[in-house]
């Protein structure tokens, strides 16, 4: 009987450790994601200091997206055999390295390198933290619905991306040394998080395995639906990329609003509306969600374009919020569609391809915008972007909806 009591006591202690570890990982996930978007409202300050044009901002931002894509492909799956905790600590320390680079370099080359390194940390973090959260929660509460861990993971991911620009805007608006202080603060925070994560229970038994890059696979059946889902993910992330890289420039040039806090708050609302929409609308059928995504993307992007042409800031902001709702729902549906179409045993490879497509949407359109800005006015570029992305998102949502119906 005593042996049974000891076993039960050990199980309770383990569950408590895994329950606490779940929230430690969730907070780490949230704050590392937040740091990745802290520089957004700071770009105009870097421009003033170093005198580079707007097009260079898009290159600096694209370096981040390239880092994410590269590390997702090369390192996103490594925690499956090396251990979740180890790779999570590495991801946080790589993010801390990017903070140190931001502290010491404010020139274009330094910013590109710092953003690339930051992107690498996010590529490692996203898959690792998501898997770790699911495993910790299932051990701490084995009878609980898996939707809880998935919801916390999604909230930490998009919520962190929403929180970062707001933090950056607050630093830039109210505190001294805005190009150094936020990075110094986050450097300390990230190092403390890395220490905290070392105490979280491991959920994977480390094994020796020959390294290979992440395998990606498109499902052989329903290729048209998968292509539509990929198209939607690509176009949706292009909207995120536009606001994350150029929101301060658009507000300053088009609307004459150069407040750093406003720029941060705008990006925060785009990501925040996407995160909230995924949770609030999650109980609706997939077909209904896709219908709403098509309407919101079209209406939101139309309002963004109209707001820029009419120089109506409230209309522009309303469009950004509505488009954020559409993109959040569309991306969630695209991931779910890819998972449904995947062959048994290859779901991870199919989802990896979908994430890679999405993050390419974060980089390539923004780079194209940067090139176009050298020849065409910002308003004209924004109109073309809004029209193309509206068509792409609506077609993708309708195609996926018809495939389900």
Protein backbone atom coordinates (compact mmCIF):
# COMPACT_ATOMS: atom_id res chain seq x y z
CA UNK A 1 0.00 0.00 0.00
CA UNK A 2 2.89 2.35 0.89
CA UNK A 3 4.49 1.69 -2.48
CA UNK A 4 1.22 2.59 -4.22
CA UNK A 5 0.97 5.77 -2.14
CA UNK A 6 4.55 6.71 -3.08
CA UNK A 7 3.79 6.13 -6.74
CA UNK A 8 0.66 8.26 -6.54
CA UNK A 9 2.59 11.04 -4.78
CA UNK A 10 5.28 10.99 -7.47
CA UNK A 11 2.61 11.18 -10.19
CA UNK A 12 0.97 14.19 -8.52
CA UNK A 13 4.33 15.96 -8.21
CA UNK A 14 5.13 15.22 -11.86
CA UNK A 15 1.74 16.55 -12.96
CA UNK A 16 2.32 19.72 -10.95
CA UNK A 17 5.75 20.14 -12.51
CA UNK A 18 4.36 19.66 -15.98
CA UNK A 19 1.40 21.92 -15.22
CA UNK A 20 3.71 24.74 -14.07
CA UNK A 21 6.09 24.02 -16.94
CA UNK A 22 3.23 24.44 -19.39
CA UNK A 23 2.74 28.05 -18.28
CA UNK A 24 6.47 28.76 -18.21
CA UNK A 25 6.73 27.63 -21.84
CA UNK A 26 3.59 29.61 -22.75
CA UNK A 27 5.05 32.81 -21.27
CA UNK A 28 8.38 32.18 -23.00
CA UNK A 29 6.58 31.60 -26.30
CA UNK A 30 4.59 34.82 -25.87
CA UNK A 31 7.58 37.03 -25.00
CA UNK A 32 9.96 35.67 -27.64
CA UNK A 33 7.29 36.19 -30.29
CA UNK A 34 6.65 39.67 -28.89
CA UNK A 35 10.31 40.61 -29.17
CA UNK A 36 10.30 39.64 -32.85
CA UNK A 37 7.91 42.53 -33.62
CA UNK A 38 9.27 45.12 -31.17
CA UNK A 39 11.40 46.78 -33.92
CA UNK A 40 8.35 47.59 -36.10
CA UNK A 41 7.64 51.11 -34.75
CA UNK A 42 11.38 51.79 -34.46
CA UNK A 43 12.16 51.60 -38.19
CA UNK A 44 11.61 55.36 -38.81
CA UNK A 45 14.14 56.12 -36.06
CA UNK A 46 16.70 53.84 -37.68
CA UNK A 47 15.99 55.60 -40.98
CA UNK A 48 16.59 59.02 -39.45
CA UNK A 49 19.81 57.86 -37.85
CA UNK A 50 21.33 56.11 -40.86
CA UNK A 51 19.55 57.92 -43.71
CA UNK A 52 18.41 54.87 -45.70
CA UNK A 53 15.28 54.90 -47.92
CA UNK A 54 11.98 53.12 -47.25
CA UNK A 55 12.88 50.31 -49.65
CA UNK A 56 15.69 49.27 -47.31
CA UNK A 57 13.15 48.79 -44.50
CA UNK A 58 11.51 46.07 -46.59
CA UNK A 59 14.89 44.36 -47.04
CA UNK A 60 15.55 44.48 -43.28
CA UNK A 61 12.13 42.98 -42.61
CA UNK A 62 12.56 40.35 -45.35
CA UNK A 63 15.80 39.22 -43.65
CA UNK A 64 13.66 38.25 -40.65
CA UNK A 65 11.27 36.24 -42.83
CA UNK A 66 14.18 34.51 -44.58
CA UNK A 67 15.59 33.56 -41.18
CA UNK A 68 12.23 32.08 -40.16
CA UNK A 69 11.88 30.07 -43.37
CA UNK A 70 15.47 28.79 -43.25
CA UNK A 71 15.27 27.65 -39.63
CA UNK A 72 11.81 26.12 -40.07
CA UNK A 73 13.19 24.01 -42.90
CA UNK A 74 16.56 23.18 -41.30
CA UNK A 75 15.84 23.13 -37.54
CA UNK A 76 12.10 23.26 -36.88
CA UNK A 77 11.82 19.48 -36.50
CA UNK A 78 15.05 18.75 -34.63
CA UNK A 79 13.37 18.80 -31.20
CA UNK A 80 11.60 15.56 -32.18
CA UNK A 81 14.79 13.65 -31.36
CA UNK A 82 17.07 16.09 -29.46
CA UNK A 83 14.45 17.17 -26.94
CA UNK A 84 11.93 20.00 -26.69
CA UNK A 85 13.54 21.77 -23.74
CA UNK A 86 17.00 21.89 -25.28
CA UNK A 87 15.82 23.37 -28.57
CA UNK A 88 13.52 25.81 -26.78
CA UNK A 89 16.44 27.11 -24.72
CA UNK A 90 18.52 27.40 -27.89
CA UNK A 91 15.72 29.35 -29.61
CA UNK A 92 15.51 31.78 -26.68
CA UNK A 93 19.30 32.24 -26.58
CA UNK A 94 19.39 32.91 -30.33
CA UNK A 95 16.73 35.57 -29.77
CA UNK A 96 18.91 37.01 -26.99
CA UNK A 97 21.83 37.09 -29.45
CA UNK A 98 19.70 39.14 -31.84
CA UNK A 99 18.95 41.56 -28.97
CA UNK A 100 22.68 41.94 -28.35
CA UNK A 101 23.23 42.64 -32.06
CA UNK A 102 20.51 45.31 -32.01
CA UNK A 103 22.24 46.88 -29.00
CA UNK A 104 25.57 47.27 -30.76
CA UNK A 105 24.60 47.88 -34.40
CA UNK A 106 22.24 50.50 -35.83
CA UNK A 107 23.54 50.54 -39.42
CA UNK A 108 21.77 48.72 -42.26
CA UNK A 109 24.12 45.72 -42.32
CA UNK A 110 23.82 45.24 -38.57
CA UNK A 111 20.03 45.51 -38.70
CA UNK A 112 19.79 42.94 -41.50
CA UNK A 113 21.97 40.49 -39.57
CA UNK A 114 20.08 41.09 -36.30
CA UNK A 115 16.70 40.57 -37.98
CA UNK A 116 17.90 37.42 -39.74
CA UNK A 117 19.15 35.98 -36.44
CA UNK A 118 15.86 36.90 -34.79
CA UNK A 119 14.00 35.09 -37.58
CA UNK A 120 16.12 31.98 -37.00
CA UNK A 121 15.05 31.95 -33.35
CA UNK A 122 11.36 32.17 -34.32
CA UNK A 123 11.66 29.31 -36.81
CA UNK A 124 13.09 27.06 -34.09
CA UNK A 125 10.68 28.30 -31.44
CA UNK A 126 7.33 28.03 -33.22
CA UNK A 127 7.24 24.29 -33.89
CA UNK A 128 9.15 23.37 -30.72
CA UNK A 129 7.05 25.41 -28.29
CA UNK A 130 3.77 24.31 -29.90
CA UNK A 131 4.71 20.63 -29.55
CA UNK A 132 6.09 21.11 -26.03
CA UNK A 133 2.91 22.84 -24.84
CA UNK A 134 0.71 20.05 -26.19
CA UNK A 135 2.82 17.33 -24.56
CA UNK A 136 3.14 19.09 -21.18
CA UNK A 137 -0.61 19.71 -21.00
CA UNK A 138 -1.52 16.16 -21.96
CA UNK A 139 0.71 14.82 -19.18
CA UNK A 140 -0.50 17.29 -16.57
CA UNK A 141 -4.17 16.82 -17.50
CA UNK A 142 -4.56 13.66 -19.58
CA UNK A 143 -8.37 13.82 -19.61
CA UNK A 144 -8.56 17.41 -20.88
CA UNK A 145 -9.54 18.30 -24.44
CA UNK A 146 -6.48 19.09 -26.58
CA UNK A 147 -8.16 22.32 -27.72
CA UNK A 148 -6.92 24.03 -24.52
CA UNK A 149 -3.24 23.54 -25.35
CA UNK A 150 -3.88 24.49 -28.98
CA UNK A 151 -5.70 27.67 -27.94
CA UNK A 152 -2.94 28.71 -25.53
CA UNK A 153 -0.33 28.03 -28.20
CA UNK A 154 -2.21 30.08 -30.79
CA UNK A 155 -2.76 32.91 -28.32
CA UNK A 156 0.93 32.98 -27.39
CA UNK A 157 1.93 32.98 -31.06
CA UNK A 158 -0.32 35.66 -32.54
CA UNK A 159 -0.74 37.41 -29.18
CA UNK A 160 3.00 37.84 -28.90
CA UNK A 161 3.21 39.23 -32.42
CA UNK A 162 0.46 41.69 -31.48
CA UNK A 163 2.06 42.71 -28.19
CA UNK A 164 5.54 43.43 -29.59
CA UNK A 165 4.77 46.56 -31.67
CA UNK A 166 2.81 48.05 -28.80
CA UNK A 167 5.77 47.56 -26.46
CA UNK A 168 8.14 49.03 -29.06
CA UNK A 169 5.83 52.01 -29.54
CA UNK A 170 5.65 52.67 -25.80
CA UNK A 171 9.45 52.61 -25.51
CA UNK A 172 9.83 54.93 -28.50
CA UNK A 173 7.16 57.37 -27.34
CA UNK A 174 7.84 57.70 -23.62
CA UNK A 175 11.30 56.37 -22.71
CA UNK A 176 14.87 57.46 -23.50
CA UNK A 177 17.22 55.67 -25.90
CA UNK A 178 14.45 53.91 -27.87
CA UNK A 179 16.97 52.23 -30.19
CA UNK A 180 18.81 50.64 -27.27
CA UNK A 181 16.64 50.43 -24.16
CA UNK A 182 13.98 47.97 -25.46
CA UNK A 183 16.70 45.61 -26.70
CA UNK A 184 18.58 45.85 -23.40
CA UNK A 185 15.41 45.10 -21.42
CA UNK A 186 14.50 42.15 -23.63
CA UNK A 187 18.05 40.82 -23.52
CA UNK A 188 17.71 40.49 -19.74
CA UNK A 189 14.17 39.07 -20.03
CA UNK A 190 15.22 36.50 -22.62
CA UNK A 191 18.19 35.31 -20.54
CA UNK A 192 15.90 34.90 -17.51
CA UNK A 193 13.41 32.97 -19.67
CA UNK A 194 16.17 30.64 -20.88
CA UNK A 195 17.07 29.89 -17.26
CA UNK A 196 13.43 29.30 -16.35
CA UNK A 197 12.88 26.91 -19.29
CA UNK A 198 15.83 24.74 -18.19
CA UNK A 199 13.69 23.80 -15.19
CA UNK A 200 10.70 22.69 -17.27
CA UNK A 201 10.18 18.91 -17.61
CA UNK A 202 11.36 17.31 -20.84
CA UNK A 203 8.74 15.45 -22.87
CA UNK A 204 10.92 13.75 -25.48
CA UNK A 205 13.54 11.07 -24.91
CA UNK A 206 16.68 12.25 -26.71
CA UNK A 207 17.91 9.79 -29.33
CA UNK A 208 20.76 9.72 -31.81
CA UNK A 209 19.55 10.21 -35.34
CA UNK A 210 21.20 11.17 -38.58
CA UNK A 211 20.35 14.79 -39.34
CA UNK A 212 18.24 15.64 -42.36
CA UNK A 213 16.35 18.81 -43.26
CA UNK A 214 12.61 18.96 -42.67
CA UNK A 215 10.74 16.93 -45.24
CA UNK A 216 7.91 18.73 -46.96
CA UNK A 217 5.17 17.12 -49.01
CA UNK A 218 2.16 18.24 -51.00
CA UNK A 219 -0.73 15.76 -50.77
CA UNK A 220 -1.25 13.87 -54.04
CA UNK A 221 -5.05 14.13 -53.82
CA UNK A 222 -7.05 17.35 -54.11
CA UNK A 223 -4.07 19.31 -55.34
CA UNK A 224 -6.28 22.22 -56.40
CA UNK A 225 -7.62 22.60 -52.86
CA UNK A 226 -4.13 22.42 -51.37
CA UNK A 227 -2.86 25.02 -53.83
CA UNK A 228 -5.79 27.27 -52.89
CA UNK A 229 -4.98 26.84 -49.19
CA UNK A 230 -1.33 27.67 -49.86
CA UNK A 231 -2.35 30.68 -51.92
CA UNK A 232 -4.54 31.89 -49.05
CA UNK A 233 -1.79 31.42 -46.47
CA UNK A 234 0.72 33.23 -48.70
CA UNK A 235 -1.60 36.17 -49.38
CA UNK A 236 -2.75 36.38 -45.76
CA UNK A 237 0.78 36.58 -44.45
CA UNK A 238 1.51 39.24 -47.07
CA UNK A 239 -0.99 41.45 -45.19
CA UNK A 240 0.88 40.79 -41.94
CA UNK A 241 4.16 41.57 -43.68
CA UNK A 242 2.86 44.86 -45.06
CA UNK A 243 1.84 46.18 -41.65
CA UNK A 244 4.80 44.75 -39.74
CA UNK A 245 7.32 46.36 -42.09
CA UNK A 246 5.68 49.53 -43.41
CA UNK A 247 2.95 50.61 -40.96
CA UNK A 248 5.02 53.52 -39.56
CA UNK A 249 5.92 54.70 -43.08
CA UNK A 250 2.33 54.51 -44.33
CA UNK A 251 1.06 56.43 -41.29
CA UNK A 252 3.75 59.08 -41.67
CA UNK A 253 3.74 59.61 -45.45
CA UNK A 254 0.04 59.15 -46.23
CA UNK A 255 -1.61 60.42 -43.05
CA UNK A 256 1.05 62.68 -41.55
CA UNK A 257 0.92 60.67 -38.31
CA UNK A 258 4.45 60.01 -37.09
CA UNK A 259 3.69 58.88 -33.54
CA UNK A 260 5.53 55.67 -32.69
CA UNK A 261 2.83 54.52 -30.31
CA UNK A 262 0.15 54.82 -33.00
CA UNK A 263 2.26 52.74 -35.38
CA UNK A 264 2.75 50.07 -32.75
CA UNK A 265 -0.93 50.11 -31.80
CA UNK A 266 -1.98 49.71 -35.46
CA UNK A 267 0.13 46.59 -35.96
CA UNK A 268 -1.06 45.31 -32.59
CA UNK A 269 -4.70 45.62 -33.70
CA UNK A 270 -4.04 43.72 -36.96
CA UNK A 271 -2.47 40.73 -35.19
CA UNK A 272 -4.81 41.04 -32.22
CA UNK A 273 -7.93 40.95 -34.37
CA UNK A 274 -6.56 37.87 -36.15
CA UNK A 275 -5.94 36.10 -32.83
CA UNK A 276 -9.31 37.03 -31.34
CA UNK A 277 -11.16 35.99 -34.52
CA UNK A 278 -9.56 32.54 -34.44
CA UNK A 279 -10.84 32.01 -30.90
CA UNK A 280 -14.26 33.68 -31.14
CA UNK A 281 -15.20 32.13 -34.49
CA UNK A 282 -13.59 28.76 -33.78
CA UNK A 283 -16.90 27.01 -33.03
CA UNK A 284 -18.40 27.85 -36.43
CA UNK A 285 -18.28 25.34 -39.26
CA UNK A 286 -15.27 25.52 -41.58
CA UNK A 287 -17.50 26.54 -44.49
CA UNK A 288 -18.96 29.43 -42.49
CA UNK A 289 -15.50 30.53 -41.36
CA UNK A 290 -14.24 30.53 -44.95
CA UNK A 291 -17.23 32.57 -46.08
CA UNK A 292 -16.53 35.13 -43.36
CA UNK A 293 -12.82 35.14 -44.26
CA UNK A 294 -13.62 35.96 -47.90
CA UNK A 295 -15.95 38.81 -46.93
CA UNK A 296 -13.62 40.26 -44.29
CA UNK A 297 -10.52 40.09 -46.48
CA UNK A 298 -12.29 41.77 -49.41
CA UNK A 299 -14.01 44.43 -47.27
CA UNK A 300 -10.96 45.09 -45.12
CA UNK A 301 -8.54 45.51 -48.02
CA UNK A 302 -11.05 47.71 -49.86
CA UNK A 303 -11.29 49.93 -46.77
CA UNK A 304 -7.49 50.06 -46.49
CA UNK A 305 -7.22 51.19 -50.12
CA UNK A 306 -10.08 53.70 -49.77
CA UNK A 307 -8.61 55.07 -46.56
CA UNK A 308 -5.26 55.68 -48.27
CA UNK A 309 -6.85 57.38 -51.31
CA UNK A 310 -9.23 59.53 -49.26
CA UNK A 311 -6.62 60.14 -46.54
CA UNK A 312 -9.17 58.92 -44.00
CA UNK A 313 -7.25 57.39 -41.11
CA UNK A 314 -10.29 55.93 -39.23
CA UNK A 315 -11.36 54.11 -42.41
CA UNK A 316 -7.81 52.82 -42.94
CA UNK A 317 -7.60 51.52 -39.35
CA UNK A 318 -11.06 49.93 -39.56
CA UNK A 319 -9.99 48.18 -42.75
CA UNK A 320 -6.83 46.91 -41.06
CA UNK A 321 -8.87 45.41 -38.21
CA UNK A 322 -11.41 43.76 -40.55
CA UNK A 323 -8.64 42.43 -42.81
CA UNK A 324 -6.88 41.05 -39.72
CA UNK A 325 -10.04 39.13 -38.81
CA UNK A 326 -10.25 37.70 -42.34
CA UNK A 327 -6.58 36.74 -42.48
CA UNK A 328 -6.66 35.09 -39.04
CA UNK A 329 -9.63 32.91 -39.95
CA UNK A 330 -8.29 32.19 -43.44
CA UNK A 331 -4.90 31.06 -42.18
CA UNK A 332 -6.41 28.82 -39.52
CA UNK A 333 -8.67 27.26 -42.18
CA UNK A 334 -5.73 26.82 -44.56
CA UNK A 335 -3.77 24.90 -41.92
CA UNK A 336 -6.82 22.75 -41.10
CA UNK A 337 -7.42 22.08 -44.81
CA UNK A 338 -3.80 21.03 -45.32
CA UNK A 339 -4.06 18.68 -42.34
CA UNK A 340 -7.25 17.12 -43.72
CA UNK A 341 -5.66 16.52 -47.13
CA UNK A 342 -2.40 15.06 -45.79
CA UNK A 343 -1.67 11.36 -46.25
CA UNK A 344 -1.53 9.23 -43.09
CA UNK A 345 1.94 9.46 -41.58
CA UNK A 346 2.87 12.57 -43.59
CA UNK A 347 0.78 15.21 -41.85
CA UNK A 348 3.84 16.91 -40.37
CA UNK A 349 5.49 17.18 -43.77
CA UNK A 350 2.35 18.65 -45.34
CA UNK A 351 1.90 21.21 -42.55
CA UNK A 352 5.60 22.11 -42.79
CA UNK A 353 5.12 22.94 -46.47
CA UNK A 354 2.09 25.10 -45.65
CA UNK A 355 4.03 27.06 -43.03
CA UNK A 356 6.93 27.55 -45.45
CA UNK A 357 4.52 28.89 -48.09
CA UNK A 358 2.98 31.24 -45.52
CA UNK A 359 6.32 32.66 -44.41
CA UNK A 360 7.38 33.13 -48.02
CA UNK A 361 4.26 35.32 -48.22
CA UNK A 362 5.71 37.33 -45.34
CA UNK A 363 8.90 38.12 -47.28
CA UNK A 364 8.42 38.12 -51.05
CA UNK A 365 5.51 40.59 -51.43
CA UNK A 366 7.20 43.03 -49.04
CA UNK A 367 10.38 42.88 -51.11
CA UNK A 368 8.33 43.52 -54.26
CA UNK A 369 6.73 46.51 -52.54
CA UNK A 370 10.18 47.82 -51.66
CA UNK A 371 11.28 47.65 -55.29
CA UNK A 372 8.03 49.25 -56.51
CA UNK A 373 8.36 52.15 -54.08
CA UNK A 374 11.51 53.24 -55.91
CA UNK A 375 9.43 53.95 -59.04
CA UNK A 376 5.78 54.46 -58.00
CA UNK A 377 4.03 56.45 -55.25
CA UNK A 378 3.20 54.74 -51.99
CA UNK A 379 -0.56 55.11 -52.51
CA UNK A 380 -0.39 53.50 -55.96
CA UNK A 381 1.65 50.59 -54.60
CA UNK A 382 -0.81 50.14 -51.74
CA UNK A 383 -3.78 50.11 -54.15
CA UNK A 384 -2.21 47.43 -56.35
CA UNK A 385 -1.21 45.38 -53.31
CA UNK A 386 -4.72 45.58 -51.82
CA UNK A 387 -6.34 44.57 -55.11
CA UNK A 388 -4.05 41.58 -55.72
CA UNK A 389 -4.25 40.29 -52.15
CA UNK A 390 -8.04 40.74 -52.04
CA UNK A 391 -8.45 38.64 -55.18
CA UNK A 392 -6.02 35.99 -53.91
CA UNK A 393 -7.63 35.64 -50.48
CA UNK A 394 -11.20 35.58 -51.79
CA UNK A 395 -10.42 33.00 -54.49
CA UNK A 396 -8.57 30.85 -51.95
CA UNK A 397 -11.41 31.01 -49.41
CA UNK A 398 -14.10 30.26 -51.99
CA UNK A 399 -12.11 27.36 -53.47
CA UNK A 400 -11.55 25.77 -50.07
CA UNK A 401 -15.21 26.30 -49.16
CA UNK A 402 -16.44 24.64 -52.36
CA UNK A 403 -14.07 21.70 -51.80
CA UNK A 404 -15.71 21.10 -48.42
CA UNK A 405 -19.20 21.57 -49.68
